[in-house]
Amino acid sequence: MTVFESLLNHDFIHTGRRRTPDGQGGWPIDEIELSPVRGRIRPASSSEREVAMLEERVITHVFYCLANEDIVRGDHLSYGGLIVEVEGIREPSKSGEHLEIDCRERQPEQSREEEGS
């Protein structure tokens, strides 16, 4: 185990979008659970947020994982009550060791129950 791997302290639930043919020419999109991802997350710094705003993006967190993870823009990662959407992916060292992933926090959707008559 490398020093970097020892810093990855949580298993995150990883979900992604899947397009499937509906048999009538349409391609509905649903969200499926993928393999868990071992990683680490931290709040984005003010300078990271400013750079993202210059690129017309909003980020709230930075996620770290091994470079061999199959994560793409639009995927969701969650741990505990935190859910983030992947906004951008960087391989900072270009050594194939790890990824830094810019994320935006998402609030879980809630619904109201219909009141009985």
PDB file of N, CA and C in Angstrom:
ATOM      1  N   MET A   1       0.852  -1.183   0.000  1.00  0.00           N
ATOM      2  CA  MET A   1       0.000   0.000   0.000  1.00  0.00           C
ATOM      3  C   MET A   1       0.890   1.237   0.000  1.00  0.00           C
ATOM      4  N   THR A   2       0.581   2.190  -0.884  1.00  0.00           N
ATOM      5  CA  THR A   2       1.355   3.424  -0.956  1.00  0.00           C
ATOM      6  C   THR A   2       0.887   4.397   0.125  1.00  0.00           C
ATOM      7  N   VAL A   3       1.665   5.447   0.335  1.00  0.00           N
ATOM      8  CA  VAL A   3       1.277   6.495   1.297  1.00  0.00           C
ATOM      9  C   VAL A   3      -0.045   7.118   0.857  1.00  0.00           C
ATOM     10  N   PHE A   4      -0.185   7.368  -0.458  1.00  0.00           N
ATOM     11  CA  PHE A   4      -1.425   7.974  -0.947  1.00  0.00           C
ATOM     12  C   PHE A   4      -2.617   7.074  -0.650  1.00  0.00           C
ATOM     13  N   GLU A   5      -2.493   5.779  -0.918  1.00  0.00           N
ATOM     14  CA  GLU A   5      -3.599   4.849  -0.674  1.00  0.00           C
ATOM     15  C   GLU A   5      -4.010   4.834   0.787  1.00  0.00           C
ATOM     16  N   SER A   6      -3.075   5.026   1.692  1.00  0.00           N
ATOM     17  CA  SER A   6      -3.405   5.019   3.123  1.00  0.00           C
ATOM     18  C   SER A   6      -4.240   6.237   3.517  1.00  0.00           C
ATOM     19  N   LEU A   7      -4.236   7.287   2.686  1.00  0.00           N
ATOM     20  CA  LEU A   7      -5.033   8.490   2.975  1.00  0.00           C
ATOM     21  C   LEU A   7      -6.486   8.352   2.526  1.00  0.00           C
ATOM     22  N   LEU A   8      -6.782   7.358   1.706  1.00  0.00           N
ATOM     23  CA  LEU A   8      -8.141   7.141   1.211  1.00  0.00           C
ATOM     24  C   LEU A   8      -8.919   6.442   2.322  1.00  0.00           C
ATOM     25  N   ASN A   9      -9.750   7.209   3.029  1.00  0.00           N
ATOM     26  CA  ASN A   9     -10.298   6.730   4.290  1.00  0.00           C
ATOM     27  C   ASN A   9     -11.768   6.324   4.286  1.00  0.00           C
ATOM     28  N   HIS A  10     -12.453   6.389   3.143  1.00  0.00           N
ATOM     29  CA  HIS A  10     -13.872   6.024   3.125  1.00  0.00           C
ATOM     30  C   HIS A  10     -14.220   5.294   1.827  1.00  0.00           C
ATOM     31  N   ASP A  11     -15.223   4.438   1.912  1.00  0.00           N
ATOM     32  CA  ASP A  11     -15.793   3.815   0.722  1.00  0.00           C
ATOM     33  C   ASP A  11     -17.022   4.618   0.322  1.00  0.00           C
ATOM     34  N   PHE A  12     -17.004   5.202  -0.869  1.00  0.00           N
ATOM     35  CA  PHE A  12     -18.089   6.047  -1.359  1.00  0.00           C
ATOM     36  C   PHE A  12     -18.997   5.243  -2.276  1.00  0.00           C
ATOM     37  N   ILE A  13     -20.293   5.498  -2.179  1.00  0.00           N
ATOM     38  CA  ILE A  13     -21.239   4.914  -3.121  1.00  0.00           C
ATOM     39  C   ILE A  13     -21.101   5.693  -4.418  1.00  0.00           C
ATOM     40  N   HIS A  14     -20.967   4.971  -5.522  1.00  0.00           N
ATOM     41  CA  HIS A  14     -20.733   5.589  -6.826  1.00  0.00           C
ATOM     42  C   HIS A  14     -21.915   5.254  -7.723  1.00  0.00           C
ATOM     43  N   THR A  15     -22.594   6.274  -8.228  1.00  0.00           N
ATOM     44  CA  THR A  15     -23.699   6.053  -9.152  1.00  0.00           C
ATOM     45  C   THR A  15     -23.446   6.820 -10.440  1.00  0.00           C
ATOM     46  N   GLY A  16     -23.975   6.299 -11.522  1.00  0.00           N
ATOM     47  CA  GLY A  16     -23.802   6.929 -12.818  1.00  0.00           C
ATOM     48  C   GLY A  16     -25.067   6.783 -13.649  1.00  0.00           C
ATOM     49  N   ARG A  17     -25.104   7.519 -14.748  1.00  0.00           N
ATOM     50  CA  ARG A  17     -26.269   7.494 -15.633  1.00  0.00           C
ATOM     51  C   ARG A  17     -26.115   6.381 -16.660  1.00  0.00           C
ATOM     52  N   ARG A  18     -27.252   5.758 -16.996  1.00  0.00           N
ATOM     53  CA  ARG A  18     -27.266   4.711 -18.009  1.00  0.00           C
ATOM     54  C   ARG A  18     -28.393   4.994 -18.987  1.00  0.00           C
ATOM     55  N   ARG A  19     -28.061   4.923 -20.268  1.00  0.00           N
ATOM     56  CA  ARG A  19     -29.083   5.090 -21.323  1.00  0.00           C
ATOM     57  C   ARG A  19     -29.451   3.709 -21.835  1.00  0.00           C
ATOM     58  N   THR A  20     -30.743   3.427 -21.897  1.00  0.00           N
ATOM     59  CA  THR A  20     -31.202   2.141 -22.416  1.00  0.00           C
ATOM     60  C   THR A  20     -32.291   2.383 -23.458  1.00  0.00           C
ATOM     61  N   PRO A  21     -32.286   1.605 -24.533  1.00  0.00           N
ATOM     62  CA  PRO A  21     -33.325   1.801 -25.552  1.00  0.00           C
ATOM     63  C   PRO A  21     -34.682   1.361 -25.020  1.00  0.00           C
ATOM     64  N   ASP A  22     -35.722   2.118 -25.357  1.00  0.00           N
ATOM     65  CA  ASP A  22     -37.068   1.756 -24.896  1.00  0.00           C
ATOM     66  C   ASP A  22     -37.839   0.966 -25.947  1.00  0.00           C
ATOM     67  N   GLY A  23     -37.194   0.655 -27.074  1.00  0.00           N
ATOM     68  CA  GLY A  23     -37.842  -0.123 -28.116  1.00  0.00           C
ATOM     69  C   GLY A  23     -38.702   0.704 -29.058  1.00  0.00           C
ATOM     70  N   GLN A  24     -38.834   2.007 -28.769  1.00  0.00           N
ATOM     71  CA  GLN A  24     -39.664   2.879 -29.601  1.00  0.00           C
ATOM     72  C   GLN A  24     -38.863   4.073 -30.121  1.00  0.00           C
ATOM     73  N   GLY A  25     -37.538   3.946 -30.098  1.00  0.00           N
ATOM     74  CA  GLY A  25     -36.687   5.014 -30.611  1.00  0.00           C
ATOM     75  C   GLY A  25     -36.169   5.965 -29.544  1.00  0.00           C
ATOM     76  N   GLY A  26     -36.641   5.810 -28.323  1.00  0.00           N
ATOM     77  CA  GLY A  26     -36.186   6.676 -27.237  1.00  0.00           C
ATOM     78  C   GLY A  26     -35.083   6.022 -26.422  1.00  0.00           C
ATOM     79  N   TRP A  27     -34.404   6.814 -25.658  1.00  0.00           N
ATOM     80  CA  TRP A  27     -33.318   6.344 -24.801  1.00  0.00           C
ATOM     81  C   TRP A  27     -33.482   6.932 -23.406  1.00  0.00           C
ATOM     82  N   PRO A  28     -34.358   6.361 -22.562  1.00  0.00           N
ATOM     83  CA  PRO A  28     -34.508   6.882 -21.198  1.00  0.00           C
ATOM     84  C   PRO A  28     -33.191   6.758 -20.412  1.00  0.00           C
ATOM     85  N   ILE A  29     -32.994   7.700 -19.538  1.00  0.00           N
ATOM     86  CA  ILE A  29     -31.791   7.708 -18.699  1.00  0.00           C
ATOM     87  C   ILE A  29     -32.205   7.392 -17.275  1.00  0.00           C
ATOM     88  N   ASP A  30     -31.523   6.424 -16.671  1.00  0.00           N
ATOM     89  CA  ASP A  30     -31.746   6.144 -15.257  1.00  0.00           C
ATOM     90  C   ASP A  30     -30.393   6.129 -14.552  1.00  0.00           C
ATOM     91  N   GLU A  31     -30.423   6.121 -13.238  1.00  0.00           N
ATOM     92  CA  GLU A  31     -29.196   6.140 -12.473  1.00  0.00           C
ATOM     93  C   GLU A  31     -28.995   4.768 -11.847  1.00  0.00           C
ATOM     94  N   ILE A  32     -27.786   4.230 -12.017  1.00  0.00           N
ATOM     95  CA  ILE A  32     -27.480   2.909 -11.491  1.00  0.00           C
ATOM     96  C   ILE A  32     -26.304   2.984 -10.527  1.00  0.00           C
ATOM     97  N   GLU A  33     -26.284   2.072  -9.561  1.00  0.00           N
ATOM     98  CA  GLU A  33     -25.166   2.009  -8.629  1.00  0.00           C
ATOM     99  C   GLU A  33     -24.035   1.227  -9.266  1.00  0.00           C
ATOM    100  N   LEU A  34     -22.840   1.794  -9.210  1.00  0.00           N
ATOM    101  CA  LEU A  34     -21.635   1.177  -9.770  1.00  0.00           C
ATOM    102  C   LEU A  34     -20.781   0.654  -8.613  1.00  0.00           C
ATOM    103  N   SER A  35     -19.589   0.228  -8.908  1.00  0.00           N
ATOM    104  CA  SER A  35     -18.694  -0.287  -7.867  1.00  0.00           C
ATOM    105  C   SER A  35     -18.352   0.806  -6.871  1.00  0.00           C
ATOM    106  N   PRO A  36     -18.266   0.480  -5.568  1.00  0.00           N
ATOM    107  CA  PRO A  36     -17.859   1.486  -4.575  1.00  0.00           C
ATOM    108  C   PRO A  36     -16.455   2.008  -4.893  1.00  0.00           C
ATOM    109  N   VAL A  37     -16.192   3.240  -4.470  1.00  0.00           N
ATOM    110  CA  VAL A  37     -14.897   3.876  -4.719  1.00  0.00           C
ATOM    111  C   VAL A  37     -14.270   4.233  -3.380  1.00  0.00           C
ATOM    112  N   ARG A  38     -13.038   3.801  -3.174  1.00  0.00           N
ATOM    113  CA  ARG A  38     -12.275   4.172  -1.982  1.00  0.00           C
ATOM    114  C   ARG A  38     -11.693   5.553  -2.234  1.00  0.00           C
ATOM    115  N   GLY A  39     -11.967   6.509  -1.350  1.00  0.00           N
ATOM    116  CA  GLY A  39     -11.490   7.862  -1.597  1.00  0.00           C
ATOM    117  C   GLY A  39     -11.467   8.729  -0.364  1.00  0.00           C
ATOM    118  N   ARG A  40     -11.203   9.978  -0.614  1.00  0.00           N
ATOM    119  CA  ARG A  40     -11.129  11.004   0.429  1.00  0.00           C
ATOM    120  C   ARG A  40     -11.731  12.274  -0.156  1.00  0.00           C
ATOM    121  N   ILE A  41     -12.449  13.040   0.665  1.00  0.00           N
ATOM    122  CA  ILE A  41     -13.073  14.266   0.179  1.00  0.00           C
ATOM    123  C   ILE A  41     -12.785  15.402   1.151  1.00  0.00           C
ATOM    124  N   ARG A  42     -12.677  16.608   0.608  1.00  0.00           N
ATOM    125  CA  ARG A  42     -12.474  17.798   1.447  1.00  0.00           C
ATOM    126  C   ARG A  42     -13.198  18.968   0.806  1.00  0.00           C
ATOM    127  N   PRO A  43     -13.523  19.989   1.607  1.00  0.00           N
ATOM    128  CA  PRO A  43     -14.134  21.191   1.026  1.00  0.00           C
ATOM    129  C   PRO A  43     -13.143  21.879   0.088  1.00  0.00           C
ATOM    130  N   ALA A  44     -13.638  22.450  -0.994  1.00  0.00           N
ATOM    131  CA  ALA A  44     -12.789  23.187  -1.931  1.00  0.00           C
ATOM    132  C   ALA A  44     -12.334  24.487  -1.266  1.00  0.00           C
ATOM    133  N   SER A  45     -11.101  24.881  -1.547  1.00  0.00           N
ATOM    134  CA  SER A  45     -10.576  26.141  -1.008  1.00  0.00           C
ATOM    135  C   SER A  45     -11.191  27.311  -1.771  1.00  0.00           C
ATOM    136  N   SER A  46     -11.049  28.503  -1.211  1.00  0.00           N
ATOM    137  CA  SER A  46     -11.602  29.683  -1.880  1.00  0.00           C
ATOM    138  C   SER A  46     -10.924  29.912  -3.225  1.00  0.00           C
ATOM    139  N   SER A  47      -9.624  29.656  -3.321  1.00  0.00           N
ATOM    140  CA  SER A  47      -8.938  29.850  -4.609  1.00  0.00           C
ATOM    141  C   SER A  47      -9.404  28.821  -5.634  1.00  0.00           C
ATOM    142  N   GLU A  48      -9.668  27.578  -5.216  1.00  0.00           N
ATOM    143  CA  GLU A  48     -10.194  26.570  -6.141  1.00  0.00           C
ATOM    144  C   GLU A  48     -11.590  26.959  -6.629  1.00  0.00           C
ATOM    145  N   ARG A  49     -12.394  27.521  -5.732  1.00  0.00           N
ATOM    146  CA  ARG A  49     -13.737  27.961  -6.118  1.00  0.00           C
ATOM    147  C   ARG A  49     -13.664  29.119  -7.113  1.00  0.00           C
ATOM    148  N   GLU A  50     -12.723  30.035  -6.888  1.00  0.00           N
ATOM    149  CA  GLU A  50     -12.565  31.178  -7.803  1.00  0.00           C
ATOM    150  C   GLU A  50     -12.139  30.721  -9.194  1.00  0.00           C
ATOM    151  N   VAL A  51     -11.184  29.802  -9.272  1.00  0.00           N
ATOM    152  CA  VAL A  51     -10.745  29.284 -10.566  1.00  0.00           C
ATOM    153  C   VAL A  51     -11.914  28.617 -11.279  1.00  0.00           C
ATOM    154  N   ALA A  52     -12.694  27.835 -10.557  1.00  0.00           N
ATOM    155  CA  ALA A  52     -13.856  27.169 -11.161  1.00  0.00           C
ATOM    156  C   ALA A  52     -14.856  28.208 -11.681  1.00  0.00           C
ATOM    157  N   MET A  53     -15.076  29.292 -10.924  1.00  0.00           N
ATOM    158  CA  MET A  53     -16.010  30.326 -11.376  1.00  0.00           C
ATOM    159  C   MET A  53     -15.524  30.984 -12.663  1.00  0.00           C
ATOM    160  N   LEU A  54     -14.201  31.163 -12.801  1.00  0.00           N
ATOM    161  CA  LEU A  54     -13.655  31.713 -14.043  1.00  0.00           C
ATOM    162  C   LEU A  54     -13.945  30.789 -15.221  1.00  0.00           C
ATOM    163  N   GLU A  55     -14.042  29.493 -14.955  1.00  0.00           N
ATOM    164  CA  GLU A  55     -14.366  28.504 -15.988  1.00  0.00           C
ATOM    165  C   GLU A  55     -15.870  28.267 -16.083  1.00  0.00           C
ATOM    166  N   GLU A  56     -16.644  29.123 -15.405  1.00  0.00           N
ATOM    167  CA  GLU A  56     -18.106  29.047 -15.368  1.00  0.00           C
ATOM    168  C   GLU A  56     -18.605  27.714 -14.810  1.00  0.00           C
ATOM    169  N   ARG A  57     -17.919  27.263 -13.747  1.00  0.00           N
ATOM    170  CA  ARG A  57     -18.325  26.058 -13.021  1.00  0.00           C
ATOM    171  C   ARG A  57     -18.478  26.424 -11.555  1.00  0.00           C
ATOM    172  N   VAL A  58     -19.220  25.601 -10.832  1.00  0.00           N
ATOM    173  CA  VAL A  58     -19.359  25.762  -9.383  1.00  0.00           C
ATOM    174  C   VAL A  58     -18.861  24.479  -8.745  1.00  0.00           C
ATOM    175  N   ILE A  59     -17.908  24.602  -7.804  1.00  0.00           N
ATOM    176  CA  ILE A  59     -17.468  23.423  -7.065  1.00  0.00           C
ATOM    177  C   ILE A  59     -17.544  23.712  -5.576  1.00  0.00           C
ATOM    178  N   THR A  60     -17.768  22.672  -4.802  1.00  0.00           N
ATOM    179  CA  THR A  60     -17.820  22.807  -3.339  1.00  0.00           C
ATOM    180  C   THR A  60     -16.840  21.883  -2.644  1.00  0.00           C
ATOM    181  N   HIS A  61     -16.433  20.794  -3.324  1.00  0.00           N
ATOM    182  CA  HIS A  61     -15.558  19.794  -2.725  1.00  0.00           C
ATOM    183  C   HIS A  61     -14.543  19.290  -3.749  1.00  0.00           C
ATOM    184  N   VAL A  62     -13.447  18.719  -3.240  1.00  0.00           N
ATOM    185  CA  VAL A  62     -12.468  18.035  -4.076  1.00  0.00           C
ATOM    186  C   VAL A  62     -12.364  16.609  -3.545  1.00  0.00           C
ATOM    187  N   PHE A  63     -12.495  15.641  -4.459  1.00  0.00           N
ATOM    188  CA  PHE A  63     -12.462  14.217  -4.124  1.00  0.00           C
ATOM    189  C   PHE A  63     -11.173  13.620  -4.675  1.00  0.00           C
ATOM    190  N   TYR A  64     -10.525  12.758  -3.904  1.00  0.00           N
ATOM    191  CA  TYR A  64      -9.297  12.090  -4.310  1.00  0.00           C
ATOM    192  C   TYR A  64      -9.526  10.584  -4.365  1.00  0.00           C
ATOM    193  N   CYS A  65      -9.010   9.946  -5.415  1.00  0.00           N
ATOM    194  CA  CYS A  65      -9.089   8.490  -5.525  1.00  0.00           C
ATOM    195  C   CYS A  65      -7.953   8.009  -6.413  1.00  0.00           C
ATOM    196  N   LEU A  66      -7.802   6.695  -6.501  1.00  0.00           N
ATOM    197  CA  LEU A  66      -6.793   6.120  -7.383  1.00  0.00           C
ATOM    198  C   LEU A  66      -7.163   6.376  -8.842  1.00  0.00           C
ATOM    199  N   ALA A  67      -6.165   6.453  -9.698  1.00  0.00           N
ATOM    200  CA  ALA A  67      -6.378   6.796 -11.101  1.00  0.00           C
ATOM    201  C   ALA A  67      -7.094   5.709 -11.887  1.00  0.00           C
ATOM    202  N   ASN A  68      -7.167   4.490 -11.364  1.00  0.00           N
ATOM    203  CA  ASN A  68      -7.801   3.406 -12.110  1.00  0.00           C
ATOM    204  C   ASN A  68      -9.317   3.348 -11.915  1.00  0.00           C
ATOM    205  N   GLU A  69      -9.900   4.297 -11.187  1.00  0.00           N
ATOM    206  CA  GLU A  69     -11.349   4.323 -10.976  1.00  0.00           C
ATOM    207  C   GLU A  69     -12.047   4.830 -12.236  1.00  0.00           C
ATOM    208  N   ASP A  70     -13.193   4.254 -12.546  1.00  0.00           N
ATOM    209  CA  ASP A  70     -13.962   4.625 -13.734  1.00  0.00           C
ATOM    210  C   ASP A  70     -15.020   5.664 -13.349  1.00  0.00           C
ATOM    211  N   ILE A  71     -14.573   6.893 -13.212  1.00  0.00           N
ATOM    212  CA  ILE A  71     -15.453   7.998 -12.817  1.00  0.00           C
ATOM    213  C   ILE A  71     -15.501   8.986 -13.970  1.00  0.00           C
ATOM    214  N   VAL A  72     -16.713   9.449 -14.306  1.00  0.00           N
ATOM    215  CA  VAL A  72     -16.873  10.414 -15.392  1.00  0.00           C
ATOM    216  C   VAL A  72     -17.709  11.602 -14.901  1.00  0.00           C
ATOM    217  N   ARG A  73     -17.620  12.702 -15.638  1.00  0.00           N
ATOM    218  CA  ARG A  73     -18.398  13.899 -15.318  1.00  0.00           C
ATOM    219  C   ARG A  73     -19.884  13.543 -15.290  1.00  0.00           C
ATOM    220  N   GLY A  74     -20.589  14.012 -14.269  1.00  0.00           N
ATOM    221  CA  GLY A  74     -22.004  13.729 -14.121  1.00  0.00           C
ATOM    222  C   GLY A  74     -22.291  12.604 -13.136  1.00  0.00           C
ATOM    223  N   ASP A  75     -21.284  11.790 -12.793  1.00  0.00           N
ATOM    224  CA  ASP A  75     -21.482  10.739 -11.798  1.00  0.00           C
ATOM    225  C   ASP A  75     -21.733  11.363 -10.421  1.00  0.00           C
ATOM    226  N   HIS A  76     -22.307  10.580  -9.523  1.00  0.00           N
ATOM    227  CA  HIS A  76     -22.523  11.004  -8.143  1.00  0.00           C
ATOM    228  C   HIS A  76     -21.719  10.118  -7.200  1.00  0.00           C
ATOM    229  N   LEU A  77     -21.183  10.737  -6.154  1.00  0.00           N
ATOM    230  CA  LEU A  77     -20.480  10.032  -5.092  1.00  0.00           C
ATOM    231  C   LEU A  77     -21.147  10.413  -3.786  1.00  0.00           C
ATOM    232  N   SER A  78     -21.345   9.436  -2.907  1.00  0.00           N
ATOM    233  CA  SER A  78     -21.981   9.767  -1.634  1.00  0.00           C
ATOM    234  C   SER A  78     -21.362   8.971  -0.495  1.00  0.00           C
ATOM    235  N   TYR A  79     -21.373   9.611   0.659  1.00  0.00           N
ATOM    236  CA  TYR A  79     -20.881   9.003   1.894  1.00  0.00           C
ATOM    237  C   TYR A  79     -21.631   9.667   3.031  1.00  0.00           C
ATOM    238  N   GLY A  80     -22.239   8.872   3.891  1.00  0.00           N
ATOM    239  CA  GLY A  80     -23.036   9.464   4.970  1.00  0.00           C
ATOM    240  C   GLY A  80     -24.157  10.271   4.351  1.00  0.00           C
ATOM    241  N   GLY A  81     -24.324  11.503   4.765  1.00  0.00           N
ATOM    242  CA  GLY A  81     -25.367  12.365   4.224  1.00  0.00           C
ATOM    243  C   GLY A  81     -24.900  13.257   3.090  1.00  0.00           C
ATOM    244  N   LEU A  82     -23.638  13.150   2.699  1.00  0.00           N
ATOM    245  CA  LEU A  82     -23.071  14.016   1.661  1.00  0.00           C
ATOM    246  C   LEU A  82     -23.213  13.362   0.295  1.00  0.00           C
ATOM    247  N   ILE A  83     -23.773  14.104  -0.657  1.00  0.00           N
ATOM    248  CA  ILE A  83     -23.872  13.664  -2.047  1.00  0.00           C
ATOM    249  C   ILE A  83     -23.237  14.743  -2.908  1.00  0.00           C
ATOM    250  N   VAL A  84     -22.287  14.328  -3.768  1.00  0.00           N
ATOM    251  CA  VAL A  84     -21.649  15.288  -4.671  1.00  0.00           C
ATOM    252  C   VAL A  84     -21.744  14.781  -6.096  1.00  0.00           C
ATOM    253  N   GLU A  85     -21.799  15.741  -7.037  1.00  0.00           N
ATOM    254  CA  GLU A  85     -21.810  15.428  -8.461  1.00  0.00           C
ATOM    255  C   GLU A  85     -20.458  15.793  -9.049  1.00  0.00           C
ATOM    256  N   VAL A  86     -19.911  14.929  -9.878  1.00  0.00           N
ATOM    257  CA  VAL A  86     -18.604  15.151 -10.498  1.00  0.00           C
ATOM    258  C   VAL A  86     -18.725  16.238 -11.559  1.00  0.00           C
ATOM    259  N   GLU A  87     -17.911  17.297 -11.407  1.00  0.00           N
ATOM    260  CA  GLU A  87     -17.908  18.426 -12.335  1.00  0.00           C
ATOM    261  C   GLU A  87     -16.686  18.422 -13.251  1.00  0.00           C
ATOM    262  N   GLY A  88     -15.582  17.903 -12.777  1.00  0.00           N
ATOM    263  CA  GLY A  88     -14.357  17.891 -13.572  1.00  0.00           C
ATOM    264  C   GLY A  88     -13.346  16.947 -12.961  1.00  0.00           C
ATOM    265  N   ILE A  89     -12.490  16.368 -13.803  1.00  0.00           N
ATOM    266  CA  ILE A  89     -11.523  15.367 -13.355  1.00  0.00           C
ATOM    267  C   ILE A  89     -10.132  15.782 -13.816  1.00  0.00           C
ATOM    268  N   ARG A  90      -9.172  15.722 -12.878  1.00  0.00           N
ATOM    269  CA  ARG A  90      -7.778  16.057 -13.195  1.00  0.00           C
ATOM    270  C   ARG A  90      -6.876  14.908 -12.752  1.00  0.00           C
ATOM    271  N   GLU A  91      -5.809  14.690 -13.505  1.00  0.00           N
ATOM    272  CA  GLU A  91      -4.750  13.781 -13.076  1.00  0.00           C
ATOM    273  C   GLU A  91      -3.521  14.667 -12.879  1.00  0.00           C
ATOM    274  N   PRO A  92      -3.339  15.226 -11.678  1.00  0.00           N
ATOM    275  CA  PRO A  92      -2.364  16.298 -11.482  1.00  0.00           C
ATOM    276  C   PRO A  92      -0.910  15.908 -11.729  1.00  0.00           C
ATOM    277  N   SER A  93      -0.522  14.711 -11.377  1.00  0.00           N
ATOM    278  CA  SER A  93       0.885  14.348 -11.513  1.00  0.00           C
ATOM    279  C   SER A  93       1.196  13.681 -12.847  1.00  0.00           C
ATOM    280  N   LYS A  94       0.164  13.323 -13.608  1.00  0.00           N
ATOM    281  CA  LYS A  94       0.321  12.621 -14.891  1.00  0.00           C
ATOM    282  C   LYS A  94       1.123  11.331 -14.737  1.00  0.00           C
ATOM    283  N   SER A  95       1.166  10.804 -13.518  1.00  0.00           N
ATOM    284  CA  SER A  95       1.921   9.570 -13.271  1.00  0.00           C
ATOM    285  C   SER A  95       1.017   8.348 -13.201  1.00  0.00           C
ATOM    286  N   GLY A  96      -0.294   8.563 -13.374  1.00  0.00           N
ATOM    287  CA  GLY A  96      -1.223   7.448 -13.308  1.00  0.00           C
ATOM    288  C   GLY A  96      -1.498   6.962 -11.903  1.00  0.00           C
ATOM    289  N   GLU A  97      -1.158   7.782 -10.894  1.00  0.00           N
ATOM    290  CA  GLU A  97      -1.341   7.351  -9.511  1.00  0.00           C
ATOM    291  C   GLU A  97      -2.700   7.728  -8.938  1.00  0.00           C
ATOM    292  N   HIS A  98      -3.095   9.008  -9.082  1.00  0.00           N
ATOM    293  CA  HIS A  98      -4.363   9.410  -8.476  1.00  0.00           C
ATOM    294  C   HIS A  98      -5.063  10.490  -9.301  1.00  0.00           C
ATOM    295  N   LEU A  99      -6.340  10.683  -8.965  1.00  0.00           N
ATOM    296  CA  LEU A  99      -7.169  11.706  -9.595  1.00  0.00           C
ATOM    297  C   LEU A  99      -7.607  12.714  -8.550  1.00  0.00           C
ATOM    298  N   GLU A 100      -7.755  13.965  -8.966  1.00  0.00           N
ATOM    299  CA  GLU A 100      -8.398  15.010  -8.168  1.00  0.00           C
ATOM    300  C   GLU A 100      -9.668  15.361  -8.919  1.00  0.00           C
ATOM    301  N   ILE A 101     -10.786  15.251  -8.240  1.00  0.00           N
ATOM    302  CA  ILE A 101     -12.076  15.404  -8.897  1.00  0.00           C
ATOM    303  C   ILE A 101     -12.839  16.560  -8.270  1.00  0.00           C
ATOM    304  N   ASP A 102     -13.151  17.566  -9.087  1.00  0.00           N
ATOM    305  CA  ASP A 102     -13.946  18.706  -8.628  1.00  0.00           C
ATOM    306  C   ASP A 102     -15.410  18.278  -8.559  1.00  0.00           C
ATOM    307  N   CYS A 103     -16.058  18.587  -7.441  1.00  0.00           N
ATOM    308  CA  CYS A 103     -17.439  18.157  -7.227  1.00  0.00           C
ATOM    309  C   CYS A 103     -18.297  19.307  -6.716  1.00  0.00           C
ATOM    310  N   ARG A 104     -19.596  19.164  -6.934  1.00  0.00           N
ATOM    311  CA  ARG A 104     -20.567  20.114  -6.410  1.00  0.00           C
ATOM    312  C   ARG A 104     -21.542  19.353  -5.530  1.00  0.00           C
ATOM    313  N   GLU A 105     -21.759  19.864  -4.316  1.00  0.00           N
ATOM    314  CA  GLU A 105     -22.671  19.198  -3.387  1.00  0.00           C
ATOM    315  C   GLU A 105     -24.101  19.274  -3.894  1.00  0.00           C
ATOM    316  N   ARG A 106     -24.822  18.190  -3.728  1.00  0.00           N
ATOM    317  CA  ARG A 106     -26.226  18.087  -4.117  1.00  0.00           C
ATOM    318  C   ARG A 106     -27.061  17.780  -2.890  1.00  0.00           C
ATOM    319  N   GLN A 107     -28.207  18.393  -2.821  1.00  0.00           N
ATOM    320  CA  GLN A 107     -29.161  18.076  -1.758  1.00  0.00           C
ATOM    321  C   GLN A 107     -30.021  16.920  -2.243  1.00  0.00           C
ATOM    322  N   PRO A 108     -30.264  15.926  -1.398  1.00  0.00           N
ATOM    323  CA  PRO A 108     -31.125  14.820  -1.845  1.00  0.00           C
ATOM    324  C   PRO A 108     -32.541  15.322  -2.100  1.00  0.00           C
ATOM    325  N   GLU A 109     -33.156  14.770  -3.141  1.00  0.00           N
ATOM    326  CA  GLU A 109     -34.529  15.153  -3.442  1.00  0.00           C
ATOM    327  C   GLU A 109     -35.460  14.568  -2.398  1.00  0.00           C
ATOM    328  N   GLN A 110     -36.478  15.317  -2.087  1.00  0.00           N
ATOM    329  CA  GLN A 110     -37.465  14.867  -1.129  1.00  0.00           C
ATOM    330  C   GLN A 110     -38.839  14.972  -1.768  1.00  0.00           C
ATOM    331  N   SER A 111     -39.746  14.155  -1.289  1.00  0.00           N
ATOM    332  CA  SER A 111     -41.115  14.221  -1.809  1.00  0.00           C
ATOM    333  C   SER A 111     -42.081  14.292  -0.633  1.00  0.00           C
ATOM    334  N   ARG A 112     -43.241  14.793  -0.909  1.00  0.00           N
ATOM    335  CA  ARG A 112     -44.291  14.869   0.110  1.00  0.00           C
ATOM    336  C   ARG A 112     -45.300  13.762  -0.144  1.00  0.00           C
ATOM    337  N   GLU A 113     -45.747  13.175   0.927  1.00  0.00           N
ATOM    338  CA  GLU A 113     -46.775  12.153   0.781  1.00  0.00           C
ATOM    339  C   GLU A 113     -48.116  12.808   0.561  1.00  0.00           C
ATOM    340  N   GLU A 114     -48.907  12.174  -0.246  1.00  0.00           N
ATOM    341  CA  GLU A 114     -50.247  12.676  -0.507  1.00  0.00           C
ATOM    342  C   GLU A 114     -51.092  12.416   0.727  1.00  0.00           C
ATOM    343  N   GLU A 115     -51.778  13.451   1.158  1.00  0.00           N
ATOM    344  CA  GLU A 115     -52.631  13.296   2.335  1.00  0.00           C
ATOM    345  C   GLU A 115     -53.890  12.547   1.966  1.00  0.00           C
ATOM    346  N   GLY A 116     -54.301  11.616   2.833  1.00  0.00           N
ATOM    347  CA  GLY A 116     -55.522  10.827   2.597  1.00  0.00           C
ATOM    348  C   GLY A 116     -56.765  11.676   2.771  1.00  0.00           C
ATOM    349  N   SER A 117     -57.840  11.275   2.123  1.00  0.00           N
ATOM    350  CA  SER A 117     -59.100  12.015   2.195  1.00  0.00           C
ATOM    351  C   SER A 117     -59.883  11.613   3.400  1.00  0.00           C
TER     352      SER A 117
END
